[in-house]
Amino acid sequence: MARLLIVYHSRTGGSRQMADAAAQAASTEAEVSLKPADQAGPDDLLAADGYIFCAPENLAALSGVMKDFFDRCYYPVLGRIEGRPYAQMICAGSDGQNAARQLARIATGWRLKEVQPPLIICTHAQTPEAILAEKTIPEDDLDKCREIGAALGAGLSLGVF
């Protein structure tokens, strides 16, 4: 069975909900490993056939914990995961584009194959209170995450990627 690794970081719950939705949908087609970024490592990347990376954008960049995951794993897997498919999901307060660009540049360095454009879910949190509050991602946005999980799981299972 194809193996999909979903690595996420979430401080206020938004990215976690997105990752959970993708994992649930993918699990019908692939073996899914859902890992918090601070617990995922090079061995997890090497054991998977494809990836979904899910993170919040903090201060116009990937969250520090997600960036730490990439920093810890980048060189140990460099040249060993080339060509594997990936998708990314960003939970942002207003924009999310810079975090998506940053993640795409890392994936390009690994020579991963982007199988769809980044999904950016905007929470519109703009005040300190709203930014720090627990998030609830609307069902229609979670459906988009489910679509990504299902598509990547099916693509891996069918050998499309």
C-alpha atoms as a PDB file:
ATOM      1  CA  MET A   1       0.000   0.000   0.000  1.00  0.00           C
ATOM      2  CA  ALA A   2       1.256   3.485  -0.852  1.00  0.00           C
ATOM      3  CA  ARG A   3       2.474   5.579   2.084  1.00  0.00           C
ATOM      4  CA  LEU A   4       1.553   9.234   2.558  1.00  0.00           C
ATOM      5  CA  LEU A   5       3.263  11.379   5.170  1.00  0.00           C
ATOM      6  CA  ILE A   6       1.405  14.447   6.402  1.00  0.00           C
ATOM      7  CA  VAL A   7       3.588  16.808   8.436  1.00  0.00           C
ATOM      8  CA  TYR A   8       1.907  19.718  10.151  1.00  0.00           C
ATOM      9  CA  HIS A   9       2.378  22.414  12.757  1.00  0.00           C
ATOM     10  CA  SER A  10      -0.494  24.099  14.539  1.00  0.00           C
ATOM     11  CA  ARG A  11      -0.496  26.420  17.513  1.00  0.00           C
ATOM     12  CA  THR A  12      -4.141  27.519  17.354  1.00  0.00           C
ATOM     13  CA  GLY A  13      -5.739  24.451  15.772  1.00  0.00           C
ATOM     14  CA  GLY A  14      -6.335  25.630  12.203  1.00  0.00           C
ATOM     15  CA  SER A  15      -3.533  23.700  10.514  1.00  0.00           C
ATOM     16  CA  ARG A  16      -4.283  20.640  12.660  1.00  0.00           C
ATOM     17  CA  GLN A  17      -7.887  20.583  11.435  1.00  0.00           C
ATOM     18  CA  MET A  18      -6.686  20.909   7.848  1.00  0.00           C
ATOM     19  CA  ALA A  19      -4.137  18.085   8.250  1.00  0.00           C
ATOM     20  CA  ASP A  20      -6.693  15.841   9.982  1.00  0.00           C
ATOM     21  CA  ALA A  21      -9.190  16.371   7.152  1.00  0.00           C
ATOM     22  CA  ALA A  22      -6.602  15.480   4.506  1.00  0.00           C
ATOM     23  CA  ALA A  23      -5.449  12.432   6.472  1.00  0.00           C
ATOM     24  CA  GLN A  24      -8.964  11.113   6.932  1.00  0.00           C
ATOM     25  CA  ALA A  25      -9.710  11.379   3.212  1.00  0.00           C
ATOM     26  CA  ALA A  26      -6.371   9.894   2.138  1.00  0.00           C
ATOM     27  CA  SER A  27      -6.645   6.898   4.475  1.00  0.00           C
ATOM     28  CA  THR A  28      -9.125   5.144   2.180  1.00  0.00           C
ATOM     29  CA  GLU A  29      -6.455   4.893  -0.531  1.00  0.00           C
ATOM     30  CA  ALA A  30      -3.084   4.998   1.237  1.00  0.00           C
ATOM     31  CA  GLU A  31      -1.369   4.255   4.502  1.00  0.00           C
ATOM     32  CA  VAL A  32      -1.248   7.658   6.206  1.00  0.00           C
ATOM     33  CA  SER A  33       1.259   8.826   8.778  1.00  0.00           C
ATOM     34  CA  LEU A  34       0.134  12.096  10.395  1.00  0.00           C
ATOM     35  CA  LYS A  35       3.021  13.703  12.282  1.00  0.00           C
ATOM     36  CA  PRO A  36       3.485  16.983  14.128  1.00  0.00           C
ATOM     37  CA  ALA A  37       6.488  18.803  12.676  1.00  0.00           C
ATOM     38  CA  ASP A  38       8.402  18.624  15.952  1.00  0.00           C
ATOM     39  CA  GLN A  39       8.091  14.815  15.936  1.00  0.00           C
ATOM     40  CA  ALA A  40       8.736  14.137  12.252  1.00  0.00           C
ATOM     41  CA  GLY A  41      12.210  13.447  10.943  1.00  0.00           C
ATOM     42  CA  PRO A  42      14.276  12.191   8.018  1.00  0.00           C
ATOM     43  CA  ASP A  43      13.265   8.551   8.532  1.00  0.00           C
ATOM     44  CA  ASP A  44       9.608   9.522   8.142  1.00  0.00           C
ATOM     45  CA  LEU A  45      10.356  11.279   4.861  1.00  0.00           C
ATOM     46  CA  LEU A  46      12.370   8.335   3.552  1.00  0.00           C
ATOM     47  CA  ALA A  47       9.611   5.854   4.451  1.00  0.00           C
ATOM     48  CA  ALA A  48       6.888   7.744   2.550  1.00  0.00           C
ATOM     49  CA  ASP A  49       5.965   7.731  -1.122  1.00  0.00           C
ATOM     50  CA  GLY A  50       4.448  11.229  -1.044  1.00  0.00           C
ATOM     51  CA  TYR A  51       3.835  14.174   1.244  1.00  0.00           C
ATOM     52  CA  ILE A  52       1.415  16.826   2.388  1.00  0.00           C
ATOM     53  CA  PHE A  53       2.966  19.686   4.331  1.00  0.00           C
ATOM     54  CA  CYS A  54       0.535  21.809   6.359  1.00  0.00           C
ATOM     55  CA  ALA A  55       1.570  24.873   8.324  1.00  0.00           C
ATOM     56  CA  PRO A  56       0.450  28.285   9.467  1.00  0.00           C
ATOM     57  CA  GLU A  57       1.955  31.443   8.143  1.00  0.00           C
ATOM     58  CA  ASN A  58       3.431  33.471  11.005  1.00  0.00           C
ATOM     59  CA  LEU A  59       4.736  36.966  10.353  1.00  0.00           C
ATOM     60  CA  ALA A  60       4.765  36.388   6.574  1.00  0.00           C
ATOM     61  CA  ALA A  61       6.778  33.152   6.803  1.00  0.00           C
ATOM     62  CA  LEU A  62       6.410  29.477   7.638  1.00  0.00           C
ATOM     63  CA  SER A  63       5.945  28.890  11.340  1.00  0.00           C
ATOM     64  CA  GLY A  64       9.213  28.367  13.185  1.00  0.00           C
ATOM     65  CA  VAL A  65       8.398  24.785  14.161  1.00  0.00           C
ATOM     66  CA  MET A  66       7.683  23.852  10.542  1.00  0.00           C
ATOM     67  CA  LYS A  67      10.856  25.596   9.401  1.00  0.00           C
ATOM     68  CA  ASP A  68      12.760  23.657  12.074  1.00  0.00           C
ATOM     69  CA  PHE A  69      11.396  20.399  10.605  1.00  0.00           C
ATOM     70  CA  PHE A  70      12.763  21.358   7.187  1.00  0.00           C
ATOM     71  CA  ASP A  71      16.071  22.516   8.695  1.00  0.00           C
ATOM     72  CA  ARG A  72      16.548  19.200  10.546  1.00  0.00           C
ATOM     73  CA  CYS A  73      15.568  17.047   7.585  1.00  0.00           C
ATOM     74  CA  TYR A  74      16.869  18.889   4.548  1.00  0.00           C
ATOM     75  CA  TYR A  75      20.405  17.536   4.245  1.00  0.00           C
ATOM     76  CA  PRO A  76      19.804  14.016   5.607  1.00  0.00           C
ATOM     77  CA  VAL A  77      17.317  13.303   2.770  1.00  0.00           C
ATOM     78  CA  LEU A  78      18.817  15.475   0.035  1.00  0.00           C
ATOM     79  CA  GLY A  79      19.152  13.398  -3.133  1.00  0.00           C
ATOM     80  CA  ARG A  80      17.139  10.532  -1.643  1.00  0.00           C
ATOM     81  CA  ILE A  81      13.509  11.613  -2.156  1.00  0.00           C
ATOM     82  CA  GLU A  82      13.702  13.227  -5.585  1.00  0.00           C
ATOM     83  CA  GLY A  83      10.613  12.987  -7.767  1.00  0.00           C
ATOM     84  CA  ARG A  84       8.185  12.170  -4.983  1.00  0.00           C
ATOM     85  CA  PRO A  85       4.871  14.056  -5.096  1.00  0.00           C
ATOM     86  CA  TYR A  86       3.831  16.667  -2.586  1.00  0.00           C
ATOM     87  CA  ALA A  87       1.070  19.134  -1.846  1.00  0.00           C
ATOM     88  CA  GLN A  88       0.956  21.937   0.659  1.00  0.00           C
ATOM     89  CA  MET A  89      -1.714  23.607   2.745  1.00  0.00           C
ATOM     90  CA  ILE A  90      -1.220  26.940   4.512  1.00  0.00           C
ATOM     91  CA  CYS A  91      -3.436  28.393   7.239  1.00  0.00           C
ATOM     92  CA  ALA A  92      -3.060  32.180   7.147  1.00  0.00           C
ATOM     93  CA  GLY A  93      -4.610  35.207   8.762  1.00  0.00           C
ATOM     94  CA  SER A  94      -4.581  37.304   5.640  1.00  0.00           C
ATOM     95  CA  ASP A  95      -2.308  36.190   2.802  1.00  0.00           C
ATOM     96  CA  GLY A  96      -0.238  33.011   3.074  1.00  0.00           C
ATOM     97  CA  GLN A  97       1.613  33.520  -0.206  1.00  0.00           C
ATOM     98  CA  ASN A  98       5.060  33.991   1.316  1.00  0.00           C
ATOM     99  CA  ALA A  99       4.833  30.840   3.432  1.00  0.00           C
ATOM    100  CA  ALA A 100       3.707  28.909   0.345  1.00  0.00           C
ATOM    101  CA  ARG A 101       6.629  30.301  -1.683  1.00  0.00           C
ATOM    102  CA  GLN A 102       9.074  29.443   1.100  1.00  0.00           C
ATOM    103  CA  LEU A 103       7.811  25.865   1.327  1.00  0.00           C
ATOM    104  CA  ALA A 104       7.827  25.470  -2.462  1.00  0.00           C
ATOM    105  CA  ARG A 105      11.463  26.596  -2.600  1.00  0.00           C
ATOM    106  CA  ILE A 106      12.421  23.958  -0.036  1.00  0.00           C
ATOM    107  CA  ALA A 107      10.518  21.292  -1.993  1.00  0.00           C
ATOM    108  CA  THR A 108      12.240  22.440  -5.183  1.00  0.00           C
ATOM    109  CA  GLY A 109      15.612  21.926  -3.493  1.00  0.00           C
ATOM    110  CA  TRP A 110      14.570  18.377  -2.666  1.00  0.00           C
ATOM    111  CA  ARG A 111      13.406  17.987  -6.294  1.00  0.00           C
ATOM    112  CA  LEU A 112       9.907  16.997  -5.165  1.00  0.00           C
ATOM    113  CA  LYS A 113       7.080  17.093  -7.692  1.00  0.00           C
ATOM    114  CA  GLU A 114       4.301  19.561  -6.895  1.00  0.00           C
ATOM    115  CA  VAL A 115       1.033  17.842  -7.820  1.00  0.00           C
ATOM    116  CA  GLN A 116      -1.238  20.829  -7.234  1.00  0.00           C
ATOM    117  CA  PRO A 117      -0.990  24.519  -6.397  1.00  0.00           C
ATOM    118  CA  PRO A 118      -0.805  25.419  -2.693  1.00  0.00           C
ATOM    119  CA  LEU A 119      -4.085  25.561  -0.807  1.00  0.00           C
ATOM    120  CA  ILE A 120      -4.223  28.670   1.369  1.00  0.00           C
ATOM    121  CA  ILE A 121      -7.055  28.901   3.877  1.00  0.00           C
ATOM    122  CA  CYS A 122      -7.493  32.439   5.184  1.00  0.00           C
ATOM    123  CA  THR A 123      -8.931  32.866   8.698  1.00  0.00           C
ATOM    124  CA  HIS A 124      -9.004  36.688   8.449  1.00  0.00           C
ATOM    125  CA  ALA A 125      -7.538  36.923  11.963  1.00  0.00           C
ATOM    126  CA  GLN A 126      -6.122  40.431  12.172  1.00  0.00           C
ATOM    127  CA  THR A 127      -6.153  41.473  15.839  1.00  0.00           C
ATOM    128  CA  PRO A 128      -3.820  40.051  18.495  1.00  0.00           C
ATOM    129  CA  GLU A 129      -6.802  38.387  20.161  1.00  0.00           C
ATOM    130  CA  ALA A 130      -8.059  36.814  16.925  1.00  0.00           C
ATOM    131  CA  ILE A 131      -4.586  35.717  15.866  1.00  0.00           C
ATOM    132  CA  LEU A 132      -3.952  33.930  19.178  1.00  0.00           C
ATOM    133  CA  ALA A 133      -7.461  32.440  19.479  1.00  0.00           C
ATOM    134  CA  GLU A 134      -8.270  28.805  18.721  1.00  0.00           C
ATOM    135  CA  LYS A 135      -9.384  28.477  15.108  1.00  0.00           C
ATOM    136  CA  THR A 136     -12.365  26.687  13.636  1.00  0.00           C
ATOM    137  CA  ILE A 137     -11.929  26.016   9.939  1.00  0.00           C
ATOM    138  CA  PRO A 138     -15.260  26.081   8.037  1.00  0.00           C
ATOM    139  CA  GLU A 139     -16.480  22.802   6.555  1.00  0.00           C
ATOM    140  CA  ASP A 140     -16.267  24.076   2.971  1.00  0.00           C
ATOM    141  CA  ASP A 141     -12.569  24.815   3.517  1.00  0.00           C
ATOM    142  CA  LEU A 142     -12.031  21.437   5.203  1.00  0.00           C
ATOM    143  CA  ASP A 143     -13.636  19.861   2.125  1.00  0.00           C
ATOM    144  CA  LYS A 144     -10.819  21.389   0.059  1.00  0.00           C
ATOM    145  CA  CYS A 145      -8.302  19.729   2.399  1.00  0.00           C
ATOM    146  CA  ARG A 146     -10.151  16.434   2.061  1.00  0.00           C
ATOM    147  CA  GLU A 147      -9.964  16.751  -1.724  1.00  0.00           C
ATOM    148  CA  ILE A 148      -6.193  17.162  -1.524  1.00  0.00           C
ATOM    149  CA  GLY A 149      -5.836  14.153   0.762  1.00  0.00           C
ATOM    150  CA  ALA A 150      -8.102  11.983  -1.372  1.00  0.00           C
ATOM    151  CA  ALA A 151      -6.391  13.006  -4.607  1.00  0.00           C
ATOM    152  CA  LEU A 152      -2.877  12.441  -3.304  1.00  0.00           C
ATOM    153  CA  GLY A 153      -3.847   9.142  -1.677  1.00  0.00           C
ATOM    154  CA  ALA A 154      -5.533   7.906  -4.856  1.00  0.00           C
ATOM    155  CA  GLY A 155      -2.697   9.119  -7.073  1.00  0.00           C
ATOM    156  CA  LEU A 156      -0.158   7.285  -4.958  1.00  0.00           C
ATOM    157  CA  SER A 157      -2.286   4.155  -4.817  1.00  0.00           C
ATOM    158  CA  LEU A 158      -2.800   4.107  -8.590  1.00  0.00           C
ATOM    159  CA  GLY A 159       0.838   4.890  -9.354  1.00  0.00           C
ATOM    160  CA  VAL A 160      -0.083   8.138 -11.121  1.00  0.00           C
ATOM    161  CA  PHE A 161       2.732  10.082  -9.451  1.00  0.00           C
END
